[in-house]
């Protein structure tokens, strides 16, 4: 059985930071919740400094969202492999996340409401 997926506009201003740099800030983020998993914030691609991102060969497939393509974040001091992802051609039920990027939160990548 497929988990329930909900996508809503995330209220407020959201920022993503890595390596001491702000990669993006938006008031148009989406919050995707999948089953019992923690919500994930998706940033509109146009609000991200994509010069910090390098496309990766890594891909995964979700039966409910489709194929995810990954990006590494390149900072001054390191490259964070496969730290961001996007569904370039998402399944119809989650079409709202097309042209959006999400980020793995870690001790090197922060996604927060400001």
PDB file of N, CA and C in Angstrom:
ATOM      1  N   UNK A   1       0.841  -1.190   0.000  1.00  0.00           N
ATOM      2  CA  UNK A   1       0.000   0.000   0.000  1.00  0.00           C
ATOM      3  C   UNK A   1       0.882   1.249   0.000  1.00  0.00           C
ATOM      4  N   UNK A   2       0.556   2.189  -0.832  1.00  0.00           N
ATOM      5  CA  UNK A   2       1.331   3.434  -0.939  1.00  0.00           C
ATOM      6  C   UNK A   2       1.107   4.294   0.301  1.00  0.00           C
ATOM      7  N   UNK A   3       2.179   4.951   0.773  1.00  0.00           N
ATOM      8  CA  UNK A   3       2.001   5.874   1.897  1.00  0.00           C
ATOM      9  C   UNK A   3       1.247   7.107   1.415  1.00  0.00           C
ATOM     10  N   UNK A   4       0.553   7.736   2.320  1.00  0.00           N
ATOM     11  CA  UNK A   4      -0.137   8.973   1.967  1.00  0.00           C
ATOM     12  C   UNK A   4       0.914  10.070   1.807  1.00  0.00           C
ATOM     13  N   UNK A   5       0.886  10.738   0.670  1.00  0.00           N
ATOM     14  CA  UNK A   5       1.797  11.848   0.413  1.00  0.00           C
ATOM     15  C   UNK A   5       0.983  13.124   0.333  1.00  0.00           C
ATOM     16  N   UNK A   6       1.376  14.104   1.123  1.00  0.00           N
ATOM     17  CA  UNK A   6       0.735  15.412   1.055  1.00  0.00           C
ATOM     18  C   UNK A   6       1.795  16.455   0.719  1.00  0.00           C
ATOM     19  N   UNK A   7       1.396  17.429  -0.073  1.00  0.00           N
ATOM     20  CA  UNK A   7       2.269  18.533  -0.439  1.00  0.00           C
ATOM     21  C   UNK A   7       1.502  19.819  -0.160  1.00  0.00           C
ATOM     22  N   UNK A   8       2.090  20.658   0.692  1.00  0.00           N
ATOM     23  CA  UNK A   8       1.480  21.946   1.014  1.00  0.00           C
ATOM     24  C   UNK A   8       2.554  23.027   0.892  1.00  0.00           C
ATOM     25  N   UNK A   9       2.101  24.244   0.746  1.00  0.00           N
ATOM     26  CA  UNK A   9       3.047  25.354   0.752  1.00  0.00           C
ATOM     27  C   UNK A   9       3.595  25.498   2.169  1.00  0.00           C
ATOM     28  N   UNK A  10       4.908  25.590   2.288  1.00  0.00           N
ATOM     29  CA  UNK A  10       5.540  25.748   3.604  1.00  0.00           C
ATOM     30  C   UNK A  10       5.484  27.233   3.972  1.00  0.00           C
ATOM     31  N   UNK A  11       4.833  27.575   5.067  1.00  0.00           N
ATOM     32  CA  UNK A  11       4.687  28.990   5.408  1.00  0.00           C
ATOM     33  C   UNK A  11       6.020  29.623   5.808  1.00  0.00           C
ATOM     34  N   UNK A  12       6.150  30.901   5.538  1.00  0.00           N
ATOM     35  CA  UNK A  12       7.324  31.649   5.962  1.00  0.00           C
ATOM     36  C   UNK A  12       8.451  31.605   4.951  1.00  0.00           C
ATOM     37  N   UNK A  13       9.605  32.038   5.401  1.00  0.00           N
ATOM     38  CA  UNK A  13      10.816  32.072   4.586  1.00  0.00           C
ATOM     39  C   UNK A  13      11.714  30.916   4.995  1.00  0.00           C
ATOM     40  N   UNK A  14      12.229  30.208   4.005  1.00  0.00           N
ATOM     41  CA  UNK A  14      13.093  29.045   4.230  1.00  0.00           C
ATOM     42  C   UNK A  14      14.449  29.297   3.599  1.00  0.00           C
ATOM     43  N   UNK A  15      15.481  28.790   4.247  1.00  0.00           N
ATOM     44  CA  UNK A  15      16.849  28.956   3.766  1.00  0.00           C
ATOM     45  C   UNK A  15      17.568  27.610   3.833  1.00  0.00           C
ATOM     46  N   UNK A  16      18.491  27.406   2.883  1.00  0.00           N
ATOM     47  CA  UNK A  16      19.380  26.243   2.911  1.00  0.00           C
ATOM     48  C   UNK A  16      20.800  26.779   2.895  1.00  0.00           C
ATOM     49  N   UNK A  17      21.633  26.240   3.819  1.00  0.00           N
ATOM     50  CA  UNK A  17      23.030  26.652   3.948  1.00  0.00           C
ATOM     51  C   UNK A  17      23.934  25.421   3.909  1.00  0.00           C
ATOM     52  N   UNK A  18      25.130  25.614   3.332  1.00  0.00           N
ATOM     53  CA  UNK A  18      26.140  24.554   3.336  1.00  0.00           C
ATOM     54  C   UNK A  18      27.508  25.214   3.259  1.00  0.00           C
ATOM     55  N   UNK A  19      28.444  24.706   4.031  1.00  0.00           N
ATOM     56  CA  UNK A  19      29.805  25.221   3.990  1.00  0.00           C
ATOM     57  C   UNK A  19      29.903  26.697   4.303  1.00  0.00           C
ATOM     58  N   UNK A  20      29.014  27.197   5.149  1.00  0.00           N
ATOM     59  CA  UNK A  20      29.037  28.602   5.520  1.00  0.00           C
ATOM     60  C   UNK A  20      28.374  29.527   4.512  1.00  0.00           C
ATOM     61  N   UNK A  21      27.863  28.987   3.417  1.00  0.00           N
ATOM     62  CA  UNK A  21      27.228  29.812   2.383  1.00  0.00           C
ATOM     63  C   UNK A  21      25.732  29.548   2.335  1.00  0.00           C
ATOM     64  N   UNK A  22      24.980  30.580   2.020  1.00  0.00           N
ATOM     65  CA  UNK A  22      23.549  30.426   1.775  1.00  0.00           C
ATOM     66  C   UNK A  22      23.393  29.979   0.323  1.00  0.00           C
ATOM     67  N   UNK A  23      22.817  28.799   0.136  1.00  0.00           N
ATOM     68  CA  UNK A  23      22.595  28.276  -1.214  1.00  0.00           C
ATOM     69  C   UNK A  23      21.268  28.750  -1.792  1.00  0.00           C
ATOM     70  N   UNK A  24      20.330  29.073  -0.897  1.00  0.00           N
ATOM     71  CA  UNK A  24      19.034  29.516  -1.373  1.00  0.00           C
ATOM     72  C   UNK A  24      18.154  30.012  -0.255  1.00  0.00           C
ATOM     73  N   UNK A  25      17.231  30.864  -0.631  1.00  0.00           N
ATOM     74  CA  UNK A  25      16.229  31.400   0.299  1.00  0.00           C
ATOM     75  C   UNK A  25      14.945  31.588  -0.488  1.00  0.00           C
ATOM     76  N   UNK A  26      13.833  31.204   0.111  1.00  0.00           N
ATOM     77  CA  UNK A  26      12.561  31.304  -0.611  1.00  0.00           C
ATOM     78  C   UNK A  26      11.392  31.508   0.336  1.00  0.00           C
ATOM     79  N   UNK A  27      10.368  32.131  -0.198  1.00  0.00           N
ATOM     80  CA  UNK A  27       9.068  32.216   0.471  1.00  0.00           C
ATOM     81  C   UNK A  27       8.072  31.299  -0.247  1.00  0.00           C
ATOM     82  N   UNK A  28       8.565  30.488  -1.184  1.00  0.00           N
ATOM     83  CA  UNK A  28       7.700  29.619  -1.996  1.00  0.00           C
ATOM     84  C   UNK A  28       8.056  28.146  -1.853  1.00  0.00           C
ATOM     85  N   UNK A  29       8.534  27.755  -0.688  1.00  0.00           N
ATOM     86  CA  UNK A  29       8.898  26.350  -0.457  1.00  0.00           C
ATOM     87  C   UNK A  29       7.650  25.479  -0.364  1.00  0.00           C
ATOM     88  N   UNK A  30       7.839  24.218  -0.694  1.00  0.00           N
ATOM     89  CA  UNK A  30       6.791  23.211  -0.525  1.00  0.00           C
ATOM     90  C   UNK A  30       7.232  22.234   0.554  1.00  0.00           C
ATOM     91  N   UNK A  31       6.265  21.763   1.335  1.00  0.00           N
ATOM     92  CA  UNK A  31       6.534  20.754   2.356  1.00  0.00           C
ATOM     93  C   UNK A  31       5.854  19.458   1.931  1.00  0.00           C
ATOM     94  N   UNK A  32       6.672  18.410   1.724  1.00  0.00           N
ATOM     95  CA  UNK A  32       6.144  17.111   1.333  1.00  0.00           C
ATOM     96  C   UNK A  32       6.239  16.179   2.525  1.00  0.00           C
ATOM     97  N   UNK A  33       5.121  15.582   2.868  1.00  0.00           N
ATOM     98  CA  UNK A  33       5.082  14.592   3.940  1.00  0.00           C
ATOM     99  C   UNK A  33       4.676  13.264   3.316  1.00  0.00           C
ATOM    100  N   UNK A  34       5.456  12.233   3.606  1.00  0.00           N
ATOM    101  CA  UNK A  34       5.229  10.905   3.054  1.00  0.00           C
ATOM    102  C   UNK A  34       5.053   9.923   4.196  1.00  0.00           C
ATOM    103  N   UNK A  35       3.825   9.456   4.388  1.00  0.00           N
ATOM    104  CA  UNK A  35       3.551   8.505   5.464  1.00  0.00           C
ATOM    105  C   UNK A  35       3.969   9.064   6.806  1.00  0.00           C
ATOM    106  N   UNK A  36       4.715   8.260   7.577  1.00  0.00           N
ATOM    107  CA  UNK A  36       5.166   8.669   8.904  1.00  0.00           C
ATOM    108  C   UNK A  36       6.557   9.307   8.895  1.00  0.00           C
ATOM    109  N   UNK A  37       7.127   9.525   7.709  1.00  0.00           N
ATOM    110  CA  UNK A  37       8.461  10.124   7.615  1.00  0.00           C
ATOM    111  C   UNK A  37       8.403  11.618   7.950  1.00  0.00           C
ATOM    112  N   UNK A  38       9.510  12.179   8.423  1.00  0.00           N
ATOM    113  CA  UNK A  38       9.527  13.627   8.685  1.00  0.00           C
ATOM    114  C   UNK A  38       9.297  14.404   7.385  1.00  0.00           C
ATOM    115  N   UNK A  39       8.675  15.570   7.469  1.00  0.00           N
ATOM    116  CA  UNK A  39       8.452  16.380   6.266  1.00  0.00           C
ATOM    117  C   UNK A  39       9.773  16.788   5.611  1.00  0.00           C
ATOM    118  N   UNK A  40       9.723  16.966   4.302  1.00  0.00           N
ATOM    119  CA  UNK A  40      10.879  17.414   3.529  1.00  0.00           C
ATOM    120  C   UNK A  40      10.507  18.723   2.844  1.00  0.00           C
ATOM    121  N   UNK A  41      11.408  19.700   2.933  1.00  0.00           N
ATOM    122  CA  UNK A  41      11.189  20.997   2.298  1.00  0.00           C
ATOM    123  C   UNK A  41      11.789  20.965   0.897  1.00  0.00           C
ATOM    124  N   UNK A  42      10.999  21.357  -0.083  1.00  0.00           N
ATOM    125  CA  UNK A  42      11.429  21.453  -1.472  1.00  0.00           C
ATOM    126  C   UNK A  42      11.497  22.926  -1.866  1.00  0.00           C
ATOM    127  N   UNK A  43      12.665  23.334  -2.374  1.00  0.00           N
ATOM    128  CA  UNK A  43      12.912  24.718  -2.774  1.00  0.00           C
ATOM    129  C   UNK A  43      12.710  24.867  -4.279  1.00  0.00           C
ATOM    130  N   UNK A  44      12.040  25.929  -4.715  1.00  0.00           N
ATOM    131  CA  UNK A  44      11.979  26.171  -6.160  1.00  0.00           C
ATOM    132  C   UNK A  44      13.400  26.315  -6.719  1.00  0.00           C
ATOM    133  N   UNK A  45      13.653  25.683  -7.823  1.00  0.00           N
ATOM    134  CA  UNK A  45      14.990  25.698  -8.418  1.00  0.00           C
ATOM    135  C   UNK A  45      15.479  27.127  -8.656  1.00  0.00           C
ATOM    136  N   UNK A  46      14.578  28.029  -9.045  1.00  0.00           N
ATOM    137  CA  UNK A  46      15.007  29.396  -9.341  1.00  0.00           C
ATOM    138  C   UNK A  46      15.471  30.155  -8.098  1.00  0.00           C
ATOM    139  N   UNK A  47      15.202  29.636  -6.911  1.00  0.00           N
ATOM    140  CA  UNK A  47      15.624  30.284  -5.669  1.00  0.00           C
ATOM    141  C   UNK A  47      16.903  29.677  -5.093  1.00  0.00           C
ATOM    142  N   UNK A  48      17.541  28.783  -5.832  1.00  0.00           N
ATOM    143  CA  UNK A  48      18.776  28.127  -5.390  1.00  0.00           C
ATOM    144  C   UNK A  48      19.938  28.584  -6.268  1.00  0.00           C
ATOM    145  N   UNK A  49      21.072  28.857  -5.639  1.00  0.00           N
ATOM    146  CA  UNK A  49      22.300  29.198  -6.375  1.00  0.00           C
ATOM    147  C   UNK A  49      22.878  27.903  -6.935  1.00  0.00           C
ATOM    148  N   UNK A  50      22.426  27.536  -8.114  1.00  0.00           N
ATOM    149  CA  UNK A  50      22.798  26.239  -8.680  1.00  0.00           C
ATOM    150  C   UNK A  50      24.270  26.163  -9.064  1.00  0.00           C
ATOM    151  N   UNK A  51      24.999  27.276  -9.030  1.00  0.00           N
ATOM    152  CA  UNK A  51      26.442  27.232  -9.289  1.00  0.00           C
ATOM    153  C   UNK A  51      27.157  26.383  -8.234  1.00  0.00           C
ATOM    154  N   UNK A  52      26.530  26.202  -7.059  1.00  0.00           N
ATOM    155  CA  UNK A  52      27.110  25.376  -5.993  1.00  0.00           C
ATOM    156  C   UNK A  52      26.811  23.888  -6.190  1.00  0.00           C
ATOM    157  N   UNK A  53      25.990  23.548  -7.180  1.00  0.00           N
ATOM    158  CA  UNK A  53      25.557  22.166  -7.373  1.00  0.00           C
ATOM    159  C   UNK A  53      26.195  21.550  -8.609  1.00  0.00           C
ATOM    160  N   UNK A  54      26.649  20.311  -8.452  1.00  0.00           N
ATOM    161  CA  UNK A  54      27.147  19.525  -9.581  1.00  0.00           C
ATOM    162  C   UNK A  54      26.254  18.300  -9.727  1.00  0.00           C
ATOM    163  N   UNK A  55      25.748  18.092 -10.928  1.00  0.00           N
ATOM    164  CA  UNK A  55      24.916  16.918 -11.175  1.00  0.00           C
ATOM    165  C   UNK A  55      25.729  15.649 -10.923  1.00  0.00           C
ATOM    166  N   UNK A  56      25.076  14.669 -10.337  1.00  0.00           N
ATOM    167  CA  UNK A  56      25.695  13.385 -10.011  1.00  0.00           C
ATOM    168  C   UNK A  56      25.121  12.316 -10.935  1.00  0.00           C
ATOM    169  N   UNK A  57      25.823  11.213 -11.051  1.00  0.00           N
ATOM    170  CA  UNK A  57      25.287  10.069 -11.801  1.00  0.00           C
ATOM    171  C   UNK A  57      24.297   9.257 -10.971  1.00  0.00           C
ATOM    172  N   UNK A  58      24.244   9.540  -9.669  1.00  0.00           N
ATOM    173  CA  UNK A  58      23.397   8.773  -8.752  1.00  0.00           C
ATOM    174  C   UNK A  58      21.918   9.032  -9.042  1.00  0.00           C
ATOM    175  N   UNK A  59      21.135   7.976  -9.025  1.00  0.00           N
ATOM    176  CA  UNK A  59      19.682   8.076  -9.206  1.00  0.00           C
ATOM    177  C   UNK A  59      19.023   7.045  -8.303  1.00  0.00           C
ATOM    178  N   UNK A  60      17.834   7.367  -7.840  1.00  0.00           N
ATOM    179  CA  UNK A  60      17.009   6.402  -7.118  1.00  0.00           C
ATOM    180  C   UNK A  60      15.600   6.482  -7.676  1.00  0.00           C
ATOM    181  N   UNK A  61      14.820   5.450  -7.405  1.00  0.00           N
ATOM    182  CA  UNK A  61      13.437   5.443  -7.872  1.00  0.00           C
ATOM    183  C   UNK A  61      12.506   5.197  -6.706  1.00  0.00           C
ATOM    184  N   UNK A  62      11.523   6.052  -6.581  1.00  0.00           N
ATOM    185  CA  UNK A  62      10.445   5.894  -5.606  1.00  0.00           C
ATOM    186  C   UNK A  62       9.199   5.498  -6.389  1.00  0.00           C
ATOM    187  N   UNK A  63       8.515   4.445  -5.972  1.00  0.00           N
ATOM    188  CA  UNK A  63       7.341   4.023  -6.732  1.00  0.00           C
ATOM    189  C   UNK A  63       6.220   5.067  -6.735  1.00  0.00           C
ATOM    190  N   UNK A  64       6.248   5.992  -5.789  1.00  0.00           N
ATOM    191  CA  UNK A  64       5.178   6.988  -5.690  1.00  0.00           C
ATOM    192  C   UNK A  64       5.561   8.350  -6.239  1.00  0.00           C
ATOM    193  N   UNK A  65       6.851   8.664  -6.242  1.00  0.00           N
ATOM    194  CA  UNK A  65       7.282   9.980  -6.723  1.00  0.00           C
ATOM    195  C   UNK A  65       7.981   9.906  -8.076  1.00  0.00           C
ATOM    196  N   UNK A  66       8.634   8.808  -8.378  1.00  0.00           N
ATOM    197  CA  UNK A  66       9.340   8.669  -9.647  1.00  0.00           C
ATOM    198  C   UNK A  66      10.836   8.567  -9.448  1.00  0.00           C
ATOM    199  N   UNK A  67      11.589   8.933 -10.487  1.00  0.00           N
ATOM    200  CA  UNK A  67      13.048   8.838 -10.440  1.00  0.00           C
ATOM    201  C   UNK A  67      13.639  10.151  -9.931  1.00  0.00           C
ATOM    202  N   UNK A  68      14.507  10.031  -8.932  1.00  0.00           N
ATOM    203  CA  UNK A  68      15.198  11.194  -8.375  1.00  0.00           C
ATOM    204  C   UNK A  68      16.592  11.285  -8.971  1.00  0.00           C
ATOM    205  N   UNK A  69      16.971  12.482  -9.367  1.00  0.00           N
ATOM    206  CA  UNK A  69      18.342  12.752  -9.774  1.00  0.00           C
ATOM    207  C   UNK A  69      19.010  13.511  -8.643  1.00  0.00           C
ATOM    208  N   UNK A  70      20.319  13.317  -8.499  1.00  0.00           N
ATOM    209  CA  UNK A  70      21.041  13.865  -7.350  1.00  0.00           C
ATOM    210  C   UNK A  70      22.092  14.872  -7.767  1.00  0.00           C
ATOM    211  N   UNK A  71      22.442  15.725  -6.808  1.00  0.00           N
ATOM    212  CA  UNK A  71      23.428  16.770  -6.995  1.00  0.00           C
ATOM    213  C   UNK A  71      24.354  16.789  -5.792  1.00  0.00           C
ATOM    214  N   UNK A  72      25.632  17.033  -6.061  1.00  0.00           N
ATOM    215  CA  UNK A  72      26.597  17.236  -4.980  1.00  0.00           C
ATOM    216  C   UNK A  72      26.732  18.739  -4.764  1.00  0.00           C
ATOM    217  N   UNK A  73      26.931  19.128  -3.509  1.00  0.00           N
ATOM    218  CA  UNK A  73      27.132  20.530  -3.171  1.00  0.00           C
ATOM    219  C   UNK A  73      28.639  20.768  -3.081  1.00  0.00           C
ATOM    220  N   UNK A  74      29.117  21.739  -3.841  1.00  0.00           N
ATOM    221  CA  UNK A  74      30.536  22.069  -3.860  1.00  0.00           C
ATOM    222  C   UNK A  74      30.743  23.342  -3.035  1.00  0.00           C
ATOM    223  N   UNK A  75      31.479  23.206  -1.928  1.00  0.00           N
ATOM    224  CA  UNK A  75      31.791  24.355  -1.082  1.00  0.00           C
ATOM    225  C   UNK A  75      33.273  24.691  -1.235  1.00  0.00           C
ATOM    226  N   UNK A  76      33.727  25.724  -0.557  1.00  0.00           N
ATOM    227  CA  UNK A  76      35.142  26.113  -0.631  1.00  0.00           C
ATOM    228  C   UNK A  76      36.062  24.986  -0.162  1.00  0.00           C
ATOM    229  N   UNK A  77      35.610  24.237   0.851  1.00  0.00           N
ATOM    230  CA  UNK A  77      36.503  23.267   1.474  1.00  0.00           C
ATOM    231  C   UNK A  77      36.196  21.804   1.161  1.00  0.00           C
ATOM    232  N   UNK A  78      35.008  21.511   0.642  1.00  0.00           N
ATOM    233  CA  UNK A  78      34.656  20.106   0.438  1.00  0.00           C
ATOM    234  C   UNK A  78      33.542  19.967  -0.594  1.00  0.00           C
ATOM    235  N   UNK A  79      33.334  18.745  -1.023  1.00  0.00           N
ATOM    236  CA  UNK A  79      32.196  18.412  -1.870  1.00  0.00           C
ATOM    237  C   UNK A  79      31.306  17.452  -1.083  1.00  0.00           C
ATOM    238  N   UNK A  80      30.052  17.814  -0.944  1.00  0.00           N
ATOM    239  CA  UNK A  80      29.082  16.987  -0.227  1.00  0.00           C
ATOM    240  C   UNK A  80      28.334  16.157  -1.262  1.00  0.00           C
ATOM    241  N   UNK A  81      28.751  14.901  -1.374  1.00  0.00           N
ATOM    242  CA  UNK A  81      28.230  14.020  -2.413  1.00  0.00           C
ATOM    243  C   UNK A  81      26.738  13.739  -2.241  1.00  0.00           C
ATOM    244  N   UNK A  82      26.006  13.858  -3.343  1.00  0.00           N
ATOM    245  CA  UNK A  82      24.583  13.489  -3.395  1.00  0.00           C
ATOM    246  C   UNK A  82      23.773  14.115  -2.259  1.00  0.00           C
ATOM    247  N   UNK A  83      24.027  15.369  -1.969  1.00  0.00           N
ATOM    248  CA  UNK A  83      23.391  16.052  -0.838  1.00  0.00           C
ATOM    249  C   UNK A  83      22.059  16.694  -1.194  1.00  0.00           C
ATOM    250  N   UNK A  84      21.736  16.746  -2.472  1.00  0.00           N
ATOM    251  CA  UNK A  84      20.467  17.334  -2.915  1.00  0.00           C
ATOM    252  C   UNK A  84      19.857  16.432  -3.978  1.00  0.00           C
ATOM    253  N   UNK A  85      18.536  16.523  -4.122  1.00  0.00           N
ATOM    254  CA  UNK A  85      17.881  15.725  -5.144  1.00  0.00           C
ATOM    255  C   UNK A  85      16.693  16.467  -5.727  1.00  0.00           C
ATOM    256  N   UNK A  86      16.270  15.973  -6.882  1.00  0.00           N
ATOM    257  CA  UNK A  86      15.142  16.568  -7.588  1.00  0.00           C
ATOM    258  C   UNK A  86      14.425  15.482  -8.371  1.00  0.00           C
ATOM    259  N   UNK A  87      13.137  15.638  -8.518  1.00  0.00           N
ATOM    260  CA  UNK A  87      12.344  14.765  -9.388  1.00  0.00           C
ATOM    261  C   UNK A  87      12.063  15.560 -10.655  1.00  0.00           C
ATOM    262  N   UNK A  88      12.843  15.285 -11.698  1.00  0.00           N
ATOM    263  CA  UNK A  88      12.743  16.056 -12.939  1.00  0.00           C
ATOM    264  C   UNK A  88      11.409  15.814 -13.645  1.00  0.00           C
ATOM    265  N   UNK A  89      10.946  14.582 -13.592  1.00  0.00           N
ATOM    266  CA  UNK A  89       9.647  14.236 -14.184  1.00  0.00           C
ATOM    267  C   UNK A  89       8.870  13.408 -13.151  1.00  0.00           C
ATOM    268  N   UNK A  90       8.362  14.071 -12.107  1.00  0.00           N
ATOM    269  CA  UNK A  90       7.683  13.335 -11.038  1.00  0.00           C
ATOM    270  C   UNK A  90       6.375  12.708 -11.526  1.00  0.00           C
ATOM    271  N   UNK A  91       5.947  11.698 -10.793  1.00  0.00           N
ATOM    272  CA  UNK A  91       4.656  11.092 -11.078  1.00  0.00           C
ATOM    273  C   UNK A  91       3.552  12.136 -10.933  1.00  0.00           C
ATOM    274  N   UNK A  92       2.461  11.913 -11.634  1.00  0.00           N
ATOM    275  CA  UNK A  92       1.364  12.896 -11.701  1.00  0.00           C
ATOM    276  C   UNK A  92       0.846  13.323 -10.326  1.00  0.00           C
ATOM    277  N   UNK A  93       0.764  12.388  -9.385  1.00  0.00           N
ATOM    278  CA  UNK A  93       0.219  12.706  -8.058  1.00  0.00           C
ATOM    279  C   UNK A  93       1.077  13.700  -7.270  1.00  0.00           C
ATOM    280  N   UNK A  94       2.352  13.826  -7.626  1.00  0.00           N
ATOM    281  CA  UNK A  94       3.255  14.743  -6.916  1.00  0.00           C
ATOM    282  C   UNK A  94       3.871  15.759  -7.881  1.00  0.00           C
ATOM    283  N   UNK A  95       3.152  16.084  -8.938  1.00  0.00           N
ATOM    284  CA  UNK A  95       3.675  16.966  -9.986  1.00  0.00           C
ATOM    285  C   UNK A  95       4.113  18.328  -9.455  1.00  0.00           C
ATOM    286  N   UNK A  96       3.590  18.735  -8.317  1.00  0.00           N
ATOM    287  CA  UNK A  96       3.953  20.055  -7.753  1.00  0.00           C
ATOM    288  C   UNK A  96       5.438  20.172  -7.417  1.00  0.00           C
ATOM    289  N   UNK A  97       6.134  19.043  -7.192  1.00  0.00           N
ATOM    290  CA  UNK A  97       7.553  19.136  -6.827  1.00  0.00           C
ATOM    291  C   UNK A  97       8.482  19.231  -8.037  1.00  0.00           C
ATOM    292  N   UNK A  98       7.918  19.207  -9.235  1.00  0.00           N
ATOM    293  CA  UNK A  98       8.746  19.408 -10.434  1.00  0.00           C
ATOM    294  C   UNK A  98       9.409  20.782 -10.330  1.00  0.00           C
ATOM    295  N   UNK A  99      10.649  20.862 -10.783  1.00  0.00           N
ATOM    296  CA  UNK A  99      11.438  22.106 -10.750  1.00  0.00           C
ATOM    297  C   UNK A  99      11.744  22.572  -9.333  1.00  0.00           C
ATOM    298  N   UNK A 100      11.787  21.623  -8.395  1.00  0.00           N
ATOM    299  CA  UNK A 100      12.154  21.903  -7.003  1.00  0.00           C
ATOM    300  C   UNK A 100      13.328  21.013  -6.601  1.00  0.00           C
ATOM    301  N   UNK A 101      14.075  21.463  -5.603  1.00  0.00           N
ATOM    302  CA  UNK A 101      15.201  20.720  -5.055  1.00  0.00           C
ATOM    303  C   UNK A 101      15.010  20.520  -3.563  1.00  0.00           C
ATOM    304  N   UNK A 102      15.408  19.356  -3.069  1.00  0.00           N
ATOM    305  CA  UNK A 102      15.393  19.064  -1.640  1.00  0.00           C
ATOM    306  C   UNK A 102      16.822  18.716  -1.222  1.00  0.00           C
ATOM    307  N   UNK A 103      17.095  18.848   0.082  1.00  0.00           N
ATOM    308  CA  UNK A 103      18.451  18.678   0.590  1.00  0.00           C
ATOM    309  C   UNK A 103      18.456  17.758   1.798  1.00  0.00           C
ATOM    310  N   UNK A 104      19.479  16.902   1.878  1.00  0.00           N
ATOM    311  CA  UNK A 104      19.673  16.079   3.064  1.00  0.00           C
ATOM    312  C   UNK A 104      20.231  16.969   4.169  1.00  0.00           C
ATOM    313  N   UNK A 105      19.518  17.049   5.266  1.00  0.00           N
ATOM    314  CA  UNK A 105      19.969  17.832   6.411  1.00  0.00           C
ATOM    315  C   UNK A 105      21.030  17.025   7.152  1.00  0.00           C
ATOM    316  N   UNK A 106      22.133  17.697   7.513  1.00  0.00           N
ATOM    317  CA  UNK A 106      23.231  17.034   8.217  1.00  0.00           C
ATOM    318  C   UNK A 106      23.969  18.083   9.036  1.00  0.00           C
ATOM    319  N   UNK A 107      25.107  17.681   9.603  1.00  0.00           N
ATOM    320  CA  UNK A 107      25.906  18.665  10.327  1.00  0.00           C
ATOM    321  C   UNK A 107      26.560  19.662   9.362  1.00  0.00           C
ATOM    322  N   UNK A 108      26.500  19.389   8.050  1.00  0.00           N
ATOM    323  CA  UNK A 108      27.081  20.296   7.044  1.00  0.00           C
ATOM    324  C   UNK A 108      26.057  21.007   6.200  1.00  0.00           C
ATOM    325  N   UNK A 109      24.796  20.568   6.252  1.00  0.00           N
ATOM    326  CA  UNK A 109      23.724  21.184   5.468  1.00  0.00           C
ATOM    327  C   UNK A 109      22.550  21.481   6.389  1.00  0.00           C
ATOM    328  N   UNK A 110      22.118  22.742   6.386  1.00  0.00           N
ATOM    329  CA  UNK A 110      20.998  23.155   7.229  1.00  0.00           C
ATOM    330  C   UNK A 110      19.849  23.644   6.348  1.00  0.00           C
ATOM    331  N   UNK A 111      18.651  23.190   6.660  1.00  0.00           N
ATOM    332  CA  UNK A 111      17.432  23.685   6.040  1.00  0.00           C
ATOM    333  C   UNK A 111      16.565  24.170   7.185  1.00  0.00           C
ATOM    334  N   UNK A 112      16.242  25.479   7.156  1.00  0.00           N
ATOM    335  CA  UNK A 112      15.498  26.021   8.297  1.00  0.00           C
ATOM    336  C   UNK A 112      14.603  27.170   7.898  1.00  0.00           C
ATOM    337  N   UNK A 113      13.581  27.322   8.690  1.00  0.00           N
ATOM    338  CA  UNK A 113      12.673  28.461   8.532  1.00  0.00           C
ATOM    339  C   UNK A 113      13.280  29.632   9.302  1.00  0.00           C
ATOM    340  N   UNK A 114      13.345  30.788   8.660  1.00  0.00           N
ATOM    341  CA  UNK A 114      13.932  31.964   9.299  1.00  0.00           C
ATOM    342  C   UNK A 114      12.895  33.054   9.524  1.00  0.00           C
TER     343      UNK A 114
END
